[in-house]
Amino acid sequence: MSADAAAQNAVVQKLAKRPLFSRMFASGRQPLKLVAVPRDHVQGDRQRGDAMLAGRYILGNEVLALNELDFASLGAGNPVADGMQGFSWLRDLAAAASREKGARVGEALAGRWLLAHGTRVDQAWRPDLWGERILFWTTYAPYILSSRDSGYRSALLNTLVRGARHLDSNADKASPGIDRITAWAGLVAAGLLVQGGVPRVARGESGLARALSTAQFEDGA
């Protein structure tokens, strides 16, 4: 095994372990899982999905070559970077490909994201990006969680839970408006959809209500 492959395997094994307190107080030993997969009522862009199958992420006039994509150096804060980091492209991929075909792309990119950002809090952990990421990871779970690699699946789900905990204490740090709404919506989704997440739902709903109320003027605009 090469040094790079060994390092990547070590990261996946680290991410696949549940946090210490969760392991100590869990009522059972069952691995984390989603209890439901919501439906997205917004249709993706099939042309953009076809481009992803061909190895290109397109947003406006910008084109990223997926075979050269490095999430660690991609950063955040511009439309292309935020689009990739938030995983909204899963909607387009699903519009163009079956689960079996699309999962090869989705899981490859999700795996790269985990290696780049899964073990440390950085700019990709911005609250609105985590909210968006949770919404798309759960809605398009078949495109990123179909792998038979249990280490990968555990790493992704445990990282999702860590992202939800991050939102629990940081969602209100997102900018007022759509960013804060997205952050709290992601926390609510995690509470409803991840096994054992129900205790987070009430807090998430309260935060979401506050975010919605502060995002509107008195006339409802």
C-alpha atoms as a PDB file:
ATOM      1  CA  MET A   1       0.000   0.000   0.000  1.00  0.00           C
ATOM      2  CA  SER A   2       1.378   3.421  -0.958  1.00  0.00           C
ATOM      3  CA  ALA A   3       1.912   6.145   1.646  1.00  0.00           C
ATOM      4  CA  ASP A   4      -0.969   8.199   0.184  1.00  0.00           C
ATOM      5  CA  ALA A   5      -3.323   5.218   0.208  1.00  0.00           C
ATOM      6  CA  ALA A   6      -2.361   4.387   3.789  1.00  0.00           C
ATOM      7  CA  ALA A   7      -2.982   7.991   4.875  1.00  0.00           C
ATOM      8  CA  GLN A   8      -6.382   8.029   3.190  1.00  0.00           C
ATOM      9  CA  ASN A   9      -7.331   4.736   4.821  1.00  0.00           C
ATOM     10  CA  ALA A  10      -6.346   6.120   8.230  1.00  0.00           C
ATOM     11  CA  VAL A  11      -8.624   9.137   7.700  1.00  0.00           C
ATOM     12  CA  VAL A  12     -11.562   6.934   6.715  1.00  0.00           C
ATOM     13  CA  GLN A  13     -11.042   4.707   9.767  1.00  0.00           C
ATOM     14  CA  LYS A  14     -10.941   7.760  12.024  1.00  0.00           C
ATOM     15  CA  LEU A  15     -14.130   9.163  10.548  1.00  0.00           C
ATOM     16  CA  ALA A  16     -15.878   5.801  10.770  1.00  0.00           C
ATOM     17  CA  LYS A  17     -15.557   5.764  14.564  1.00  0.00           C
ATOM     18  CA  ARG A  18     -18.481   7.214  16.479  1.00  0.00           C
ATOM     19  CA  PRO A  19     -17.558   9.950  18.993  1.00  0.00           C
ATOM     20  CA  LEU A  20     -16.534   8.643  22.419  1.00  0.00           C
ATOM     21  CA  PHE A  21     -19.563   9.927  24.328  1.00  0.00           C
ATOM     22  CA  SER A  22     -21.931   8.581  21.654  1.00  0.00           C
ATOM     23  CA  ARG A  23     -20.312   5.139  21.954  1.00  0.00           C
ATOM     24  CA  MET A  24     -20.421   5.229  25.770  1.00  0.00           C
ATOM     25  CA  PHE A  25     -24.081   6.196  26.074  1.00  0.00           C
ATOM     26  CA  ALA A  26     -25.575   4.605  22.949  1.00  0.00           C
ATOM     27  CA  SER A  27     -28.392   2.181  23.752  1.00  0.00           C
ATOM     28  CA  GLY A  28     -27.217  -0.322  21.151  1.00  0.00           C
ATOM     29  CA  ARG A  29     -24.349  -1.130  18.853  1.00  0.00           C
ATOM     30  CA  GLN A  30     -26.177  -0.677  15.582  1.00  0.00           C
ATOM     31  CA  PRO A  31     -24.359   1.590  13.124  1.00  0.00           C
ATOM     32  CA  LEU A  32     -25.817   4.952  12.238  1.00  0.00           C
ATOM     33  CA  LYS A  33     -28.368   4.954   9.453  1.00  0.00           C
ATOM     34  CA  LEU A  34     -30.958   7.157   7.820  1.00  0.00           C
ATOM     35  CA  VAL A  35     -34.511   6.360   8.851  1.00  0.00           C
ATOM     36  CA  ALA A  36     -35.992   8.006   5.742  1.00  0.00           C
ATOM     37  CA  VAL A  37     -34.946   9.659   2.486  1.00  0.00           C
ATOM     38  CA  PRO A  38     -36.946  12.784   1.629  1.00  0.00           C
ATOM     39  CA  ARG A  39     -38.098  13.651  -1.862  1.00  0.00           C
ATOM     40  CA  ASP A  40     -36.781  16.687  -3.713  1.00  0.00           C
ATOM     41  CA  HIS A  41     -39.620  18.440  -5.528  1.00  0.00           C
ATOM     42  CA  VAL A  42     -37.221  20.637  -7.516  1.00  0.00           C
ATOM     43  CA  GLN A  43     -36.050  19.184 -10.820  1.00  0.00           C
ATOM     44  CA  GLY A  44     -32.328  19.202 -11.471  1.00  0.00           C
ATOM     45  CA  ASP A  45     -30.610  20.446 -14.611  1.00  0.00           C
ATOM     46  CA  ARG A  46     -30.009  17.400 -16.790  1.00  0.00           C
ATOM     47  CA  GLN A  47     -27.441  19.123 -19.006  1.00  0.00           C
ATOM     48  CA  ARG A  48     -25.332  19.998 -15.999  1.00  0.00           C
ATOM     49  CA  GLY A  49     -25.763  16.444 -14.752  1.00  0.00           C
ATOM     50  CA  ASP A  50     -24.588  15.071 -18.088  1.00  0.00           C
ATOM     51  CA  ALA A  51     -21.552  17.345 -17.845  1.00  0.00           C
ATOM     52  CA  MET A  52     -20.740  15.879 -14.438  1.00  0.00           C
ATOM     53  CA  LEU A  53     -20.936  12.372 -15.856  1.00  0.00           C
ATOM     54  CA  ALA A  54     -18.440  13.562 -18.454  1.00  0.00           C
ATOM     55  CA  GLY A  55     -16.153  14.887 -15.728  1.00  0.00           C
ATOM     56  CA  ARG A  56     -17.050  18.582 -15.666  1.00  0.00           C
ATOM     57  CA  TYR A  57     -18.832  20.787 -13.129  1.00  0.00           C
ATOM     58  CA  ILE A  58     -20.356  23.787 -14.884  1.00  0.00           C
ATOM     59  CA  LEU A  59     -21.785  26.879 -13.237  1.00  0.00           C
ATOM     60  CA  GLY A  60     -22.385  29.837 -15.510  1.00  0.00           C
ATOM     61  CA  ASN A  61     -19.197  30.364 -17.489  1.00  0.00           C
ATOM     62  CA  GLU A  62     -17.051  28.501 -14.966  1.00  0.00           C
ATOM     63  CA  VAL A  63     -15.948  24.915 -15.578  1.00  0.00           C
ATOM     64  CA  LEU A  64     -14.188  22.632 -13.093  1.00  0.00           C
ATOM     65  CA  ALA A  65     -12.499  19.438 -14.231  1.00  0.00           C
ATOM     66  CA  LEU A  66     -13.643  16.850 -11.700  1.00  0.00           C
ATOM     67  CA  ASN A  67     -10.645  14.581 -12.200  1.00  0.00           C
ATOM     68  CA  GLU A  68      -8.436  17.446 -11.009  1.00  0.00           C
ATOM     69  CA  LEU A  69     -10.736  18.636  -8.234  1.00  0.00           C
ATOM     70  CA  ASP A  70      -9.092  19.089  -4.840  1.00  0.00           C
ATOM     71  CA  PHE A  71     -11.664  20.018  -2.198  1.00  0.00           C
ATOM     72  CA  ALA A  72      -8.913  21.099   0.169  1.00  0.00           C
ATOM     73  CA  SER A  73      -7.711  23.837  -2.163  1.00  0.00           C
ATOM     74  CA  LEU A  74     -11.164  24.658  -3.553  1.00  0.00           C
ATOM     75  CA  GLY A  75     -12.039  26.784  -0.552  1.00  0.00           C
ATOM     76  CA  ALA A  76     -15.397  28.515  -0.147  1.00  0.00           C
ATOM     77  CA  GLY A  77     -16.934  31.924  -0.588  1.00  0.00           C
ATOM     78  CA  ASN A  78     -17.535  32.026  -4.328  1.00  0.00           C
ATOM     79  CA  PRO A  79     -20.445  30.494  -6.271  1.00  0.00           C
ATOM     80  CA  VAL A  80     -18.456  27.646  -7.828  1.00  0.00           C
ATOM     81  CA  ALA A  81     -16.752  26.624  -4.594  1.00  0.00           C
ATOM     82  CA  ASP A  82     -19.962  26.925  -2.555  1.00  0.00           C
ATOM     83  CA  GLY A  83     -21.878  24.928  -5.144  1.00  0.00           C
ATOM     84  CA  MET A  84     -19.407  22.056  -4.945  1.00  0.00           C
ATOM     85  CA  GLN A  85     -18.974  22.219  -1.164  1.00  0.00           C
ATOM     86  CA  GLY A  86     -22.725  22.284  -0.532  1.00  0.00           C
ATOM     87  CA  PHE A  87     -23.393  19.253  -2.775  1.00  0.00           C
ATOM     88  CA  SER A  88     -26.345  20.895  -4.550  1.00  0.00           C
ATOM     89  CA  TRP A  89     -24.914  19.337  -7.729  1.00  0.00           C
ATOM     90  CA  LEU A  90     -26.370  16.006  -6.581  1.00  0.00           C
ATOM     91  CA  ARG A  91     -29.736  17.275  -7.811  1.00  0.00           C
ATOM     92  CA  ASP A  92     -28.361  17.712 -11.334  1.00  0.00           C
ATOM     93  CA  LEU A  93     -26.537  14.392 -11.244  1.00  0.00           C
ATOM     94  CA  ALA A  94     -29.755  12.614 -10.279  1.00  0.00           C
ATOM     95  CA  ALA A  95     -31.596  14.299 -13.163  1.00  0.00           C
ATOM     96  CA  ALA A  96     -29.114  12.796 -15.620  1.00  0.00           C
ATOM     97  CA  ALA A  97     -28.250   9.396 -14.209  1.00  0.00           C
ATOM     98  CA  SER A  98     -29.683   6.340 -12.512  1.00  0.00           C
ATOM     99  CA  ARG A  99     -28.596   5.578  -8.975  1.00  0.00           C
ATOM    100  CA  GLU A 100     -26.136   2.927 -10.132  1.00  0.00           C
ATOM    101  CA  LYS A 101     -24.479   5.195 -12.684  1.00  0.00           C
ATOM    102  CA  GLY A 102     -24.641   8.398 -10.685  1.00  0.00           C
ATOM    103  CA  ALA A 103     -23.362   6.843  -7.463  1.00  0.00           C
ATOM    104  CA  ARG A 104     -19.976   6.235  -9.056  1.00  0.00           C
ATOM    105  CA  VAL A 105     -19.561   9.998  -9.418  1.00  0.00           C
ATOM    106  CA  GLY A 106     -21.364  10.979  -6.217  1.00  0.00           C
ATOM    107  CA  GLU A 107     -19.445   8.600  -3.970  1.00  0.00           C
ATOM    108  CA  ALA A 108     -16.093   9.453  -5.533  1.00  0.00           C
ATOM    109  CA  LEU A 109     -16.653  13.154  -4.861  1.00  0.00           C
ATOM    110  CA  ALA A 110     -18.105  12.597  -1.388  1.00  0.00           C
ATOM    111  CA  GLY A 111     -15.080  10.484  -0.532  1.00  0.00           C
ATOM    112  CA  ARG A 112     -12.743  13.263  -1.666  1.00  0.00           C
ATOM    113  CA  TRP A 113     -14.692  15.743   0.457  1.00  0.00           C
ATOM    114  CA  LEU A 114     -14.368  13.533   3.533  1.00  0.00           C
ATOM    115  CA  LEU A 115     -10.610  13.242   3.052  1.00  0.00           C
ATOM    116  CA  ALA A 116     -10.237  17.007   2.613  1.00  0.00           C
ATOM    117  CA  HIS A 117     -12.639  18.336   5.251  1.00  0.00           C
ATOM    118  CA  GLY A 118     -14.023  15.505   7.363  1.00  0.00           C
ATOM    119  CA  THR A 119     -11.458  15.602  10.151  1.00  0.00           C
ATOM    120  CA  ARG A 120     -11.168  19.333  10.756  1.00  0.00           C
ATOM    121  CA  VAL A 121     -13.390  22.382  11.084  1.00  0.00           C
ATOM    122  CA  ASP A 122     -12.505  24.838   8.337  1.00  0.00           C
ATOM    123  CA  GLN A 123     -14.219  27.161   5.871  1.00  0.00           C
ATOM    124  CA  ALA A 124     -16.145  24.237   4.363  1.00  0.00           C
ATOM    125  CA  TRP A 125     -17.861  23.893   7.763  1.00  0.00           C
ATOM    126  CA  ARG A 126     -19.571  27.268   7.386  1.00  0.00           C
ATOM    127  CA  PRO A 127     -23.058  26.849   8.907  1.00  0.00           C
ATOM    128  CA  ASP A 128     -25.007  27.506   5.717  1.00  0.00           C
ATOM    129  CA  LEU A 129     -22.807  25.051   3.796  1.00  0.00           C
ATOM    130  CA  TRP A 130     -23.383  22.357   6.401  1.00  0.00           C
ATOM    131  CA  GLY A 131     -27.112  22.998   6.319  1.00  0.00           C
ATOM    132  CA  GLU A 132     -27.167  22.680   2.544  1.00  0.00           C
ATOM    133  CA  ARG A 133     -24.876  19.649   2.628  1.00  0.00           C
ATOM    134  CA  ILE A 134     -27.129  17.792   5.076  1.00  0.00           C
ATOM    135  CA  LEU A 135     -30.211  18.560   2.993  1.00  0.00           C
ATOM    136  CA  PHE A 136     -28.603  17.203  -0.171  1.00  0.00           C
ATOM    137  CA  TRP A 137     -26.762  14.292   1.430  1.00  0.00           C
ATOM    138  CA  THR A 138     -30.002  12.994   2.939  1.00  0.00           C
ATOM    139  CA  THR A 139     -32.217  13.672  -0.073  1.00  0.00           C
ATOM    140  CA  TYR A 140     -29.782  12.058  -2.503  1.00  0.00           C
ATOM    141  CA  ALA A 141     -28.442   9.397  -0.145  1.00  0.00           C
ATOM    142  CA  PRO A 142     -28.735   6.660  -2.809  1.00  0.00           C
ATOM    143  CA  TYR A 143     -26.138   8.565  -4.854  1.00  0.00           C
ATOM    144  CA  ILE A 144     -23.581   8.752  -2.029  1.00  0.00           C
ATOM    145  CA  LEU A 145     -24.445   5.820   0.267  1.00  0.00           C
ATOM    146  CA  SER A 146     -24.809   2.874  -2.089  1.00  0.00           C
ATOM    147  CA  SER A 147     -21.234   1.683  -1.615  1.00  0.00           C
ATOM    148  CA  ARG A 148     -20.598  -1.732  -0.091  1.00  0.00           C
ATOM    149  CA  ASP A 149     -17.645  -0.204   1.754  1.00  0.00           C
ATOM    150  CA  SER A 150     -18.944  -0.064   5.331  1.00  0.00           C
ATOM    151  CA  GLY A 151     -16.007   2.098   6.405  1.00  0.00           C
ATOM    152  CA  TYR A 152     -16.913   4.742   3.850  1.00  0.00           C
ATOM    153  CA  ARG A 153     -20.623   4.667   4.749  1.00  0.00           C
ATOM    154  CA  SER A 154     -19.870   4.969   8.463  1.00  0.00           C
ATOM    155  CA  ALA A 155     -17.413   7.786   7.807  1.00  0.00           C
ATOM    156  CA  LEU A 156     -19.970   9.774   5.839  1.00  0.00           C
ATOM    157  CA  LEU A 157     -22.827   9.258   8.310  1.00  0.00           C
ATOM    158  CA  ASN A 158     -20.668  10.004  11.348  1.00  0.00           C
ATOM    159  CA  THR A 159     -19.396  13.151   9.644  1.00  0.00           C
ATOM    160  CA  LEU A 160     -22.988  14.156   8.911  1.00  0.00           C
ATOM    161  CA  VAL A 161     -23.788  13.807  12.619  1.00  0.00           C
ATOM    162  CA  ARG A 162     -20.725  15.872  13.521  1.00  0.00           C
ATOM    163  CA  GLY A 163     -21.959  18.491  11.071  1.00  0.00           C
ATOM    164  CA  ALA A 164     -25.351  18.508  12.796  1.00  0.00           C
ATOM    165  CA  ARG A 165     -23.694  19.016  16.184  1.00  0.00           C
ATOM    166  CA  HIS A 166     -21.671  21.849  14.656  1.00  0.00           C
ATOM    167  CA  LEU A 167     -24.919  23.459  13.497  1.00  0.00           C
ATOM    168  CA  ASP A 168     -26.461  22.983  16.939  1.00  0.00           C
ATOM    169  CA  SER A 169     -24.012  25.543  18.313  1.00  0.00           C
ATOM    170  CA  ASN A 170     -23.205  27.582  15.203  1.00  0.00           C
ATOM    171  CA  ALA A 171     -26.359  27.903  13.058  1.00  0.00           C
ATOM    172  CA  ASP A 172     -27.146  31.360  14.457  1.00  0.00           C
ATOM    173  CA  LYS A 173     -23.695  32.535  13.368  1.00  0.00           C
ATOM    174  CA  ALA A 174     -24.790  32.300   9.725  1.00  0.00           C
ATOM    175  CA  SER A 175     -25.786  35.553   8.054  1.00  0.00           C
ATOM    176  CA  PRO A 176     -29.454  36.490   8.626  1.00  0.00           C
ATOM    177  CA  GLY A 177     -31.730  35.441   5.790  1.00  0.00           C
ATOM    178  CA  ILE A 178     -31.368  32.425   3.523  1.00  0.00           C
ATOM    179  CA  ASP A 179     -27.991  31.379   4.976  1.00  0.00           C
ATOM    180  CA  ARG A 180     -29.311  31.130   8.537  1.00  0.00           C
ATOM    181  CA  ILE A 181     -32.545  29.497   7.367  1.00  0.00           C
ATOM    182  CA  THR A 182     -30.527  26.887   5.457  1.00  0.00           C
ATOM    183  CA  ALA A 183     -28.348  26.188   8.486  1.00  0.00           C
ATOM    184  CA  TRP A 184     -31.304  25.570  10.803  1.00  0.00           C
ATOM    185  CA  ALA A 185     -33.189  23.596   8.139  1.00  0.00           C
ATOM    186  CA  GLY A 186     -30.208  21.275   7.874  1.00  0.00           C
ATOM    187  CA  LEU A 187     -30.260  20.682  11.629  1.00  0.00           C
ATOM    188  CA  VAL A 188     -33.982  19.890  11.549  1.00  0.00           C
ATOM    189  CA  ALA A 189     -33.431  17.473   8.650  1.00  0.00           C
ATOM    190  CA  ALA A 190     -30.636  15.706  10.515  1.00  0.00           C
ATOM    191  CA  GLY A 191     -32.843  15.342  13.585  1.00  0.00           C
ATOM    192  CA  LEU A 192     -35.693  13.867  11.600  1.00  0.00           C
ATOM    193  CA  LEU A 193     -33.711  11.634   9.253  1.00  0.00           C
ATOM    194  CA  VAL A 194     -30.729  10.261  11.165  1.00  0.00           C
ATOM    195  CA  GLN A 195     -31.346   7.456  13.616  1.00  0.00           C
ATOM    196  CA  GLY A 196     -31.333   8.806  17.178  1.00  0.00           C
ATOM    197  CA  GLY A 197     -31.575  12.430  16.100  1.00  0.00           C
ATOM    198  CA  VAL A 198     -35.052  13.223  17.424  1.00  0.00           C
ATOM    199  CA  PRO A 199     -33.782  15.180  20.495  1.00  0.00           C
ATOM    200  CA  ARG A 200     -32.384  17.788  18.096  1.00  0.00           C
ATOM    201  CA  VAL A 201     -35.674  18.400  16.309  1.00  0.00           C
ATOM    202  CA  ALA A 202     -37.311  20.752  18.846  1.00  0.00           C
ATOM    203  CA  ARG A 203     -34.221  22.953  19.123  1.00  0.00           C
ATOM    204  CA  GLY A 204     -33.824  22.949  15.355  1.00  0.00           C
ATOM    205  CA  GLU A 205     -37.441  23.910  14.766  1.00  0.00           C
ATOM    206  CA  SER A 206     -37.164  26.741  17.294  1.00  0.00           C
ATOM    207  CA  GLY A 207     -34.049  28.067  15.581  1.00  0.00           C
ATOM    208  CA  LEU A 208     -35.646  27.739  12.165  1.00  0.00           C
ATOM    209  CA  ALA A 209     -38.698  29.694  13.331  1.00  0.00           C
ATOM    210  CA  ARG A 210     -36.435  32.484  14.605  1.00  0.00           C
ATOM    211  CA  ALA A 211     -34.465  32.521  11.363  1.00  0.00           C
ATOM    212  CA  LEU A 212     -37.648  32.758   9.308  1.00  0.00           C
ATOM    213  CA  SER A 213     -39.080  35.542  11.457  1.00  0.00           C
ATOM    214  CA  THR A 214     -35.934  37.663  11.275  1.00  0.00           C
ATOM    215  CA  ALA A 215     -35.681  37.131   7.521  1.00  0.00           C
ATOM    216  CA  GLN A 216     -39.023  38.808   6.874  1.00  0.00           C
ATOM    217  CA  PHE A 217     -40.186  42.378   7.123  1.00  0.00           C
ATOM    218  CA  GLU A 218     -43.535  43.220   8.695  1.00  0.00           C
ATOM    219  CA  ASP A 219     -45.242  43.159   5.280  1.00  0.00           C
ATOM    220  CA  GLY A 220     -44.071  39.565   4.753  1.00  0.00           C
ATOM    221  CA  ALA A 221     -41.513  40.399   2.067  1.00  0.00           C
END
